[in-house]
Protein backbone atom coordinates (compact mmCIF):
# COMPACT_ATOMS: atom_id res chain seq x y z
CA UNK A 1 -60.26 155.17 152.42
CA UNK A 2 -58.41 156.51 155.47
CA UNK A 3 -56.87 159.24 153.31
CA UNK A 4 -60.24 160.21 151.88
CA UNK A 5 -61.79 160.30 155.34
CA UNK A 6 -58.99 162.61 156.44
CA UNK A 7 -59.78 164.93 153.51
CA UNK A 8 -63.47 164.81 154.44
CA UNK A 9 -62.63 165.74 158.05
CA UNK A 10 -60.50 168.63 156.79
CA UNK A 11 -63.40 169.82 154.63
CA UNK A 12 -65.88 169.73 157.50
CA UNK A 13 -63.51 171.66 159.76
CA UNK A 14 -62.94 174.21 156.99
CA UNK A 15 -66.69 174.75 156.57
CA UNK A 16 -67.18 175.20 160.33
CA UNK A 17 -64.19 177.53 160.69
CA UNK A 18 -64.92 179.75 157.66
CA UNK A 19 -68.64 180.08 158.31
CA UNK A 20 -68.01 180.71 162.01
CA UNK A 21 -65.49 183.49 161.32
CA UNK A 22 -67.80 185.18 158.80
CA UNK A 23 -70.78 185.13 161.18
CA UNK A 24 -68.62 186.46 164.03
CA UNK A 25 -68.20 189.78 162.19
CA UNK A 26 -71.83 190.63 163.10
CA UNK A 27 -72.40 192.39 159.77
CA UNK A 28 -76.01 192.56 158.60
CA UNK A 29 -75.15 191.66 154.99
CA UNK A 30 -73.14 188.59 156.09
CA UNK A 31 -75.89 186.33 157.38
CA UNK A 32 -75.69 182.71 158.52
CA UNK A 33 -77.21 181.28 155.32
CA UNK A 34 -74.79 183.12 153.06
CA UNK A 35 -71.82 182.23 155.28
CA UNK A 36 -72.71 178.54 155.19
CA UNK A 37 -73.15 178.68 151.43
CA UNK A 38 -69.79 180.34 150.94
CA UNK A 39 -68.02 177.89 153.29
CA UNK A 40 -69.71 174.88 151.66
CA UNK A 41 -68.62 176.05 148.21
CA UNK A 42 -65.00 176.11 149.41
CA UNK A 43 -65.36 172.72 151.08
CA UNK A 44 -66.96 171.04 148.08
CA UNK A 45 -64.29 172.50 145.79
CA UNK A 46 -61.72 170.90 148.09
CA UNK A 47 -63.55 167.55 147.97
CA UNK A 48 -63.82 167.70 144.17
CA UNK A 49 -60.09 168.35 143.91
CA UNK A 50 -59.37 165.43 146.23
CA UNK A 51 -61.65 163.14 144.19
CA UNK A 52 -59.93 164.10 140.93
CA UNK A 53 -56.52 163.50 142.54
CA UNK A 54 -57.76 160.13 143.86
CA UNK A 55 -58.94 159.14 140.39
CA UNK A 56 -55.62 160.16 138.80
CA UNK A 57 -53.75 158.10 141.40
CA UNK A 58 -55.61 154.96 140.24
CA UNK A 59 -55.02 155.57 136.54
CA UNK A 60 -51.33 156.50 136.40
CA UNK A 61 -48.33 154.51 137.57
CA UNK A 62 -46.30 157.10 139.45
CA UNK A 63 -47.17 159.90 141.84
CA UNK A 64 -45.41 162.44 139.60
CA UNK A 65 -47.60 161.45 136.63
CA UNK A 66 -50.78 161.57 138.72
CA UNK A 67 -49.78 164.92 140.22
CA UNK A 68 -48.94 166.38 136.82
CA UNK A 69 -52.22 165.29 135.24
CA UNK A 70 -54.20 166.54 138.24
CA UNK A 71 -52.68 170.03 138.11
CA UNK A 72 -53.09 170.05 134.32
CA UNK A 73 -56.83 169.34 134.68
CA UNK A 74 -57.26 172.03 137.32
CA UNK A 75 -55.18 174.48 135.26
CA UNK A 76 -57.21 173.87 132.11
CA UNK A 77 -60.48 174.30 134.00
CA UNK A 78 -59.16 177.53 135.52
CA UNK A 79 -58.10 178.96 132.15
CA UNK A 80 -61.42 177.98 130.55
CA UNK A 81 -63.31 179.55 133.43
CA UNK A 82 -61.36 182.78 133.11
CA UNK A 83 -62.07 182.89 129.37
CA UNK A 84 -65.78 182.10 129.53
CA UNK A 85 -66.37 184.53 132.42
CA UNK A 86 -65.23 187.34 130.14
CA UNK A 87 -66.57 186.19 126.76
CA UNK A 88 -69.62 184.01 127.47
CA UNK A 89 -70.86 183.50 131.01
CA UNK A 90 -73.31 180.79 129.89
CA UNK A 91 -70.38 178.52 129.00
CA UNK A 92 -69.07 178.91 132.55
CA UNK A 93 -72.09 176.95 133.77
CA UNK A 94 -70.55 173.83 132.20
CA UNK A 95 -67.32 174.28 134.15
CA UNK A 96 -67.34 172.67 137.65
CA UNK A 97 -64.74 175.17 138.81
CA UNK A 98 -67.23 177.98 138.23
CA UNK A 99 -70.05 176.35 140.18
CA UNK A 100 -68.56 177.58 143.46
CA UNK A 101 -69.45 181.20 142.74
CA UNK A 102 -72.21 181.10 140.12
CA UNK A 103 -74.70 180.57 142.95
CA UNK A 104 -73.84 184.10 144.16
CA UNK A 105 -73.09 183.66 147.90
CA UNK A 106 -74.85 186.16 150.21
CA UNK A 107 -77.04 187.26 147.29
CA UNK A 108 -78.93 184.38 145.67
CA UNK A 109 -77.44 181.37 147.50
CA UNK A 110 -78.47 179.05 144.69
CA UNK A 111 -77.95 175.60 146.22
CA UNK A 112 -78.46 173.80 142.90
CA UNK A 113 -74.87 174.56 141.93
CA UNK A 114 -73.54 173.10 145.18
CA UNK A 115 -75.76 170.03 144.81
CA UNK A 116 -74.33 169.55 141.33
CA UNK A 117 -70.81 169.94 142.72
CA UNK A 118 -71.55 167.35 145.41
CA UNK A 119 -72.99 164.85 142.93
CA UNK A 120 -70.04 165.28 140.56
CA UNK A 121 -67.66 164.69 143.47
CA UNK A 122 -69.50 161.45 144.33
CA UNK A 123 -69.35 160.26 140.71
CA UNK A 124 -65.61 160.95 140.37
CA UNK A 125 -64.90 159.35 143.75
CA UNK A 126 -67.00 156.27 142.88
CA UNK A 127 -65.11 155.79 139.62
CA UNK A 128 -61.87 155.97 141.60
CA UNK A 129 -63.14 153.30 144.02
CA UNK A 130 -64.07 150.99 141.14
CA UNK A 131 -60.67 151.41 139.50
CA UNK A 132 -58.85 150.83 142.78
CA UNK A 133 -60.75 147.63 143.47
CA UNK A 134 -59.98 146.30 139.98
CA UNK A 135 -56.22 146.91 139.95
CA UNK A 136 -53.42 145.03 141.68
CA UNK A 137 -51.63 146.56 144.64
CA UNK A 138 -48.78 148.71 143.40
CA UNK A 139 -49.99 148.71 139.80
CA UNK A 140 -52.05 151.20 137.79
CA UNK A 141 -54.95 151.17 135.36
CA UNK A 142 -52.68 152.38 132.55
CA UNK A 143 -49.52 150.27 132.37
CA UNK A 144 -46.31 152.34 132.49
CA UNK A 145 -44.20 152.52 129.38
CA UNK A 146 -41.05 150.46 129.30
CA UNK A 147 -37.95 152.56 129.60
CA UNK A 148 -35.00 152.54 127.24
CA UNK A 149 -32.38 149.85 127.71
CA UNK A 150 -29.60 152.42 127.31
CA UNK A 151 -29.47 155.99 128.57
CA UNK A 152 -28.59 158.80 126.17
CA UNK A 153 -25.35 160.72 126.63
CA UNK A 154 -27.33 163.67 128.01
CA UNK A 155 -29.18 161.52 130.53
CA UNK A 156 -25.91 159.92 131.64
CA UNK A 157 -24.68 163.30 132.94
CA UNK A 158 -25.69 164.64 136.38
CA UNK A 159 -27.20 167.74 134.77
CA UNK A 160 -29.26 165.71 132.31
CA UNK A 161 -30.34 163.27 135.00
CA UNK A 162 -31.61 165.98 137.33
CA UNK A 163 -33.37 167.70 134.45
CA UNK A 164 -35.06 164.36 133.69
CA UNK A 165 -36.24 164.10 137.30
CA UNK A 166 -37.66 167.63 137.22
CA UNK A 167 -38.79 167.97 133.61
CA UNK A 168 -42.52 167.65 134.31
CA UNK A 169 -42.37 170.28 137.05
CA UNK A 170 -40.26 172.65 134.96
CA UNK A 171 -42.32 172.43 131.77
CA UNK A 172 -45.72 172.62 133.47
CA UNK A 173 -44.64 175.52 135.70
CA UNK A 174 -43.23 177.53 132.78
CA UNK A 175 -46.48 177.04 130.87
CA UNK A 176 -48.50 178.06 133.93
CA UNK A 177 -46.34 181.17 134.38
CA UNK A 178 -46.94 182.21 130.79
CA UNK A 179 -50.69 181.62 130.96
CA UNK A 180 -51.07 183.58 134.22
CA UNK A 181 -49.06 186.50 132.81
CA UNK A 182 -51.19 186.48 129.66
CA UNK A 183 -54.36 186.53 131.75
CA UNK A 184 -53.18 189.53 133.76
CA UNK A 185 -52.06 191.30 130.60
CA UNK A 186 -55.42 190.78 128.93
CA UNK A 187 -57.18 193.17 131.35
CA UNK A 188 -54.92 196.15 130.65
CA UNK A 189 -57.39 197.49 128.07
CA UNK A 190 -60.04 197.82 130.78
CA UNK A 191 -57.70 198.53 133.67
CA UNK A 192 -59.50 201.73 134.69
CA UNK A 193 -62.83 199.90 134.93
CA UNK A 194 -61.22 196.91 136.63
CA UNK A 195 -59.63 199.00 139.39
CA UNK A 196 -62.53 201.40 139.96
CA UNK A 197 -65.11 198.59 140.07
CA UNK A 198 -63.77 197.22 143.35
CA UNK A 199 -63.07 199.35 146.43
CA UNK A 200 -60.50 196.91 147.82
CA UNK A 201 -58.56 196.84 144.56
CA UNK A 202 -58.73 200.62 144.15
CA UNK A 203 -57.24 201.03 147.65
CA UNK A 204 -54.17 199.11 146.52
CA UNK A 205 -53.36 201.90 144.06
CA UNK A 206 -54.71 204.88 145.99
CA UNK A 207 -51.36 206.01 147.37
CA UNK A 208 -49.41 205.84 144.12
CA UNK A 209 -48.48 209.10 142.43
CA UNK A 210 -47.45 207.59 139.10
CA UNK A 211 -49.70 206.35 136.34
CA UNK A 212 -52.16 203.58 137.01
CA UNK A 213 -50.60 201.28 134.41
CA UNK A 214 -47.13 201.48 135.97
CA UNK A 215 -48.57 201.00 139.46
CA UNK A 216 -50.58 197.99 138.37
CA UNK A 217 -47.61 196.51 136.49
CA UNK A 218 -45.30 196.78 139.50
CA UNK A 219 -47.79 194.86 141.64
CA UNK A 220 -48.38 192.20 139.00
CA UNK A 221 -44.62 191.70 138.77
CA UNK A 222 -44.61 190.78 142.44
CA UNK A 223 -47.40 188.25 141.87
CA UNK A 224 -45.84 186.61 138.79
CA UNK A 225 -42.35 186.58 140.34
CA UNK A 226 -43.65 184.88 143.50
CA UNK A 227 -45.33 182.22 141.36
CA UNK A 228 -42.24 181.79 139.17
CA UNK A 229 -39.91 181.42 142.17
CA UNK A 230 -41.64 178.28 143.39
CA UNK A 231 -40.38 176.15 140.49
CA UNK A 232 -36.59 176.63 141.04
CA UNK A 233 -37.11 176.00 144.75
CA UNK A 234 -38.86 172.72 143.95
CA UNK A 235 -35.98 171.76 141.63
CA UNK A 236 -33.40 172.31 144.39
CA UNK A 237 -35.59 170.66 147.03
CA UNK A 238 -35.71 167.55 144.84
CA UNK A 239 -32.13 166.83 145.94
CA UNK A 240 -33.27 166.80 149.57
CA UNK A 241 -36.20 164.57 148.63
CA UNK A 242 -33.96 162.03 146.89
CA UNK A 243 -31.56 162.11 149.83
CA UNK A 244 -34.35 161.40 152.32
CA UNK A 245 -35.46 158.45 150.17
CA UNK A 246 -31.86 157.15 150.36
CA UNK A 247 -31.58 157.04 146.57
CA UNK A 248 -28.87 159.65 146.07
CA UNK A 249 -26.18 157.53 147.69
CA UNK A 250 -26.19 155.15 144.71
CA UNK A 251 -24.92 157.98 142.51
CA UNK A 252 -22.32 159.27 144.93
CA UNK A 253 -20.56 155.91 145.39
CA UNK A 254 -19.71 155.99 141.67
CA UNK A 255 -17.83 158.71 139.78
CA UNK A 256 -20.45 161.38 140.47
CA UNK A 257 -19.21 163.79 143.15
CA UNK A 258 -21.24 165.86 145.58
CA UNK A 259 -20.15 169.01 143.79
CA UNK A 260 -21.54 167.72 140.47
CA UNK A 261 -24.88 167.01 142.11
CA UNK A 262 -24.87 170.39 143.83
CA UNK A 263 -23.92 172.48 140.81
CA UNK A 264 -26.27 170.57 138.53
CA UNK A 265 -29.16 171.61 140.75
CA UNK A 266 -27.79 175.15 140.94
CA UNK A 267 -27.53 175.51 137.15
CA UNK A 268 -31.01 174.10 136.54
CA UNK A 269 -32.63 176.28 139.21
CA UNK A 270 -30.91 179.49 138.11
CA UNK A 271 -31.46 178.93 134.39
CA UNK A 272 -35.13 178.01 134.56
CA UNK A 273 -35.83 180.51 137.34
CA UNK A 274 -34.44 183.25 135.09
CA UNK A 275 -36.41 181.86 132.15
CA UNK A 276 -39.59 181.92 134.25
CA UNK A 277 -39.35 185.63 135.07
CA UNK A 278 -38.45 186.42 131.45
CA UNK A 279 -41.55 184.55 130.27
CA UNK A 280 -43.61 186.47 132.83
CA UNK A 281 -42.39 189.83 131.55
CA UNK A 282 -42.67 188.94 127.87
CA UNK A 283 -46.16 187.40 128.09
CA UNK A 284 -47.45 190.23 130.28
CA UNK A 285 -46.11 192.80 127.83
CA UNK A 286 -47.48 191.00 124.75
CA UNK A 287 -50.97 190.57 126.23
CA UNK A 288 -51.06 194.11 127.66
CA UNK A 289 -49.95 195.67 124.37
CA UNK A 290 -52.57 193.68 122.49
CA UNK A 291 -55.27 194.57 125.03
CA UNK A 292 -54.43 198.28 124.93
CA UNK A 293 -54.16 198.10 121.12
CA UNK A 294 -50.79 199.79 121.22
CA UNK A 295 -48.74 199.83 118.03
CA UNK A 296 -45.25 199.93 119.55
CA UNK A 297 -43.33 197.41 121.58
CA UNK A 298 -41.97 199.82 124.19
CA UNK A 299 -44.26 198.47 126.89
CA UNK A 300 -43.04 194.92 126.17
CA UNK A 301 -39.46 196.08 126.81
CA UNK A 302 -40.67 197.85 129.96
CA UNK A 303 -42.23 194.64 131.28
CA UNK A 304 -39.12 192.60 130.47
CA UNK A 305 -36.93 195.13 132.30
CA UNK A 306 -39.29 195.05 135.29
CA UNK A 307 -39.14 191.24 135.35
CA UNK A 308 -35.32 191.17 135.11
CA UNK A 309 -35.23 193.60 138.02
CA UNK A 310 -36.59 190.69 140.12
CA UNK A 311 -33.64 188.42 139.19
CA UNK A 312 -31.77 188.95 142.49
CA UNK A 313 -34.72 187.30 144.24
CA UNK A 314 -34.22 184.21 142.08
CA UNK A 315 -30.54 184.25 143.02
CA UNK A 316 -31.29 184.79 146.72
CA UNK A 317 -34.03 182.18 147.16
CA UNK A 318 -32.13 179.56 145.14
CA UNK A 319 -29.06 180.25 147.29
CA UNK A 320 -31.05 179.89 150.51
CA UNK A 321 -32.63 176.64 149.33
CA UNK A 322 -29.23 175.27 148.30
CA UNK A 323 -27.86 176.23 151.71
CA UNK A 324 -30.75 174.40 153.37
CA UNK A 325 -29.61 171.11 151.76
CA UNK A 326 -26.86 170.88 154.39
CA UNK A 327 -29.08 172.00 157.28
CA UNK A 328 -32.00 170.29 159.09
CA UNK A 329 -34.97 169.46 156.84
CA UNK A 330 -37.29 172.09 158.32
CA UNK A 331 -35.00 174.89 157.05
CA UNK A 332 -36.04 174.13 153.47
CA UNK A 333 -39.68 174.63 154.40
CA UNK A 334 -38.74 177.90 156.10
CA UNK A 335 -37.48 179.14 152.72
CA UNK A 336 -40.92 178.45 151.23
CA UNK A 337 -42.42 180.23 154.23
CA UNK A 338 -40.16 183.25 153.68
CA UNK A 339 -41.33 183.47 150.08
CA UNK A 340 -44.99 183.29 151.12
CA UNK A 341 -44.50 185.81 153.91
CA UNK A 342 -42.72 188.31 151.66
CA UNK A 343 -45.44 188.02 149.04
CA UNK A 344 -48.31 188.50 151.51
CA UNK A 345 -46.67 191.52 153.17
CA UNK A 346 -46.14 193.25 149.83
CA UNK A 347 -49.46 192.30 148.26
CA UNK A 348 -51.71 193.11 151.22
CA UNK A 349 -49.72 196.01 152.69
CA UNK A 350 -52.15 198.75 151.64
CA UNK A 351 -55.31 196.72 152.23
CA UNK A 352 -54.28 195.80 155.79
CA UNK A 353 -52.68 199.19 156.48
CA UNK A 354 -49.50 197.52 157.69
CA UNK A 355 -46.86 199.63 159.48
CA UNK A 356 -43.83 200.69 157.47
CA UNK A 357 -41.39 198.67 159.56
CA UNK A 358 -43.27 195.48 158.69
CA UNK A 359 -43.27 196.32 154.99
CA UNK A 360 -39.47 196.53 155.14
CA UNK A 361 -39.34 192.89 156.26
CA UNK A 362 -40.55 191.74 152.83
CA UNK A 363 -37.79 190.87 150.36
CA UNK A 364 -40.00 192.08 147.51
CA UNK A 365 -39.85 195.59 148.99
CA UNK A 366 -36.04 195.70 148.96
CA UNK A 367 -35.85 196.05 145.18
CA UNK A 368 -37.19 199.02 143.25
CA UNK A 369 -40.79 198.56 142.08
CA UNK A 370 -40.25 198.96 138.37
CA UNK A 371 -41.68 200.51 136.24
CA UNK A 372 -43.26 202.66 138.97
CA UNK A 373 -39.80 203.43 140.42
CA UNK A 374 -36.36 203.81 138.89
CA UNK A 375 -33.86 200.96 138.91
CA UNK A 376 -31.88 200.74 142.18
CA UNK A 377 -28.42 199.30 141.52
CA UNK A 378 -27.45 199.16 145.20
CA UNK A 379 -30.34 196.90 146.31
CA UNK A 380 -29.95 194.83 143.13
CA UNK A 381 -26.26 194.20 143.86
CA UNK A 382 -26.73 193.51 147.58
CA UNK A 383 -29.42 190.86 147.11
CA UNK A 384 -27.44 189.24 144.28
CA UNK A 385 -24.30 189.19 146.42
CA UNK A 386 -26.11 187.57 149.36
CA UNK A 387 -27.56 184.95 147.01
CA UNK A 388 -24.14 184.11 145.54
CA UNK A 389 -22.61 183.96 149.03
CA UNK A 390 -25.35 181.53 150.13
CA UNK A 391 -24.65 179.35 147.06
CA UNK A 392 -20.91 179.21 147.78
CA UNK A 393 -21.44 178.49 151.48
CA UNK A 394 -24.02 175.83 150.60
CA UNK A 395 -21.53 174.17 148.23
CA UNK A 396 -18.85 174.03 150.93
CA UNK A 397 -21.22 172.54 153.50
CA UNK A 398 -22.74 170.07 151.03
CA UNK A 399 -19.34 168.55 150.14
CA UNK A 400 -18.88 167.75 153.85
CA UNK A 401 -22.36 166.42 154.45
CA UNK A 402 -22.83 162.75 155.25
CA UNK A 403 -25.22 161.20 152.70
CA UNK A 404 -26.63 157.70 153.07
């Protein structure tokens, strides 16, 4: 209950902060009623997400299972919403994720959708309370499956073991990467209408001298790469998590060395990070080609090349996260922050009219923006070299680190 009250407090503060900022603009079209409606829609979406997570926590035995099911539910609702918004808007009315905007903030302010969202949140939360009161402390509504009495040869290796620990994250993230790339690719057939229909979006491509498709593709590559980079960072950070829980020491007192643990994480992160950007390029190209009704596969190859151009970023961020394993804990979170900062600077550079010197601080702007620009071997090699250097230095420091 304390956790849920904390979420409720966060929601209330969010509503006050968002509505207050919107009203402070003193724009005639942004009135108090519309601002409150918009802020409440965000707050109730947050409460609904917390209620679903709370319900999952009562049903499943481990936090990883509950987290995986929660993100799967949200992901499915998001994909369904995206599909019904394009094909049949009436079906979107049955999707709770769409209720936040179907009331048309600042225009209609239809409070019935928010009332429905509030009632659904109460129902889900009440079911969670009932399940929690009926289960034993430390148990779950669905009993966990009994594990095997003997581990397979693959699981008995450090590489197999770390893949087992991260398999849910890896599989779900790869699927999410593919779905997001397919969704972006599906709008290529109407890209002219999509860009011209929104002034903010059109500004993002106003200064580009090349074709609109190439300009749009280069920006989408930044988005999909940023999303794909999170998964390998989580895989590496899992080592830090297990260390903090004092569980990794049980492996290291046996025949498993620090280097085996380190390089197992390195191999997994690099392999699946590379696979993620390849999936992004392939799915984007397939969906875009289908949407544009093109008969050749040249654009698919173009998208794959543009995605592989981002590979040094995988190498660099994985190297920095591996290096952080031997440094204070907050350094690992700084790597996540660097990824978020670089993405925001690149994505919002034109909209916010950022100065050129600030744009150069984004790692996404170091590489050539393919296919809008030609491949730059120098920047590709420099970022890759820094990433490899960080990996080697991280390996040296990790072998000397004291692990409990």
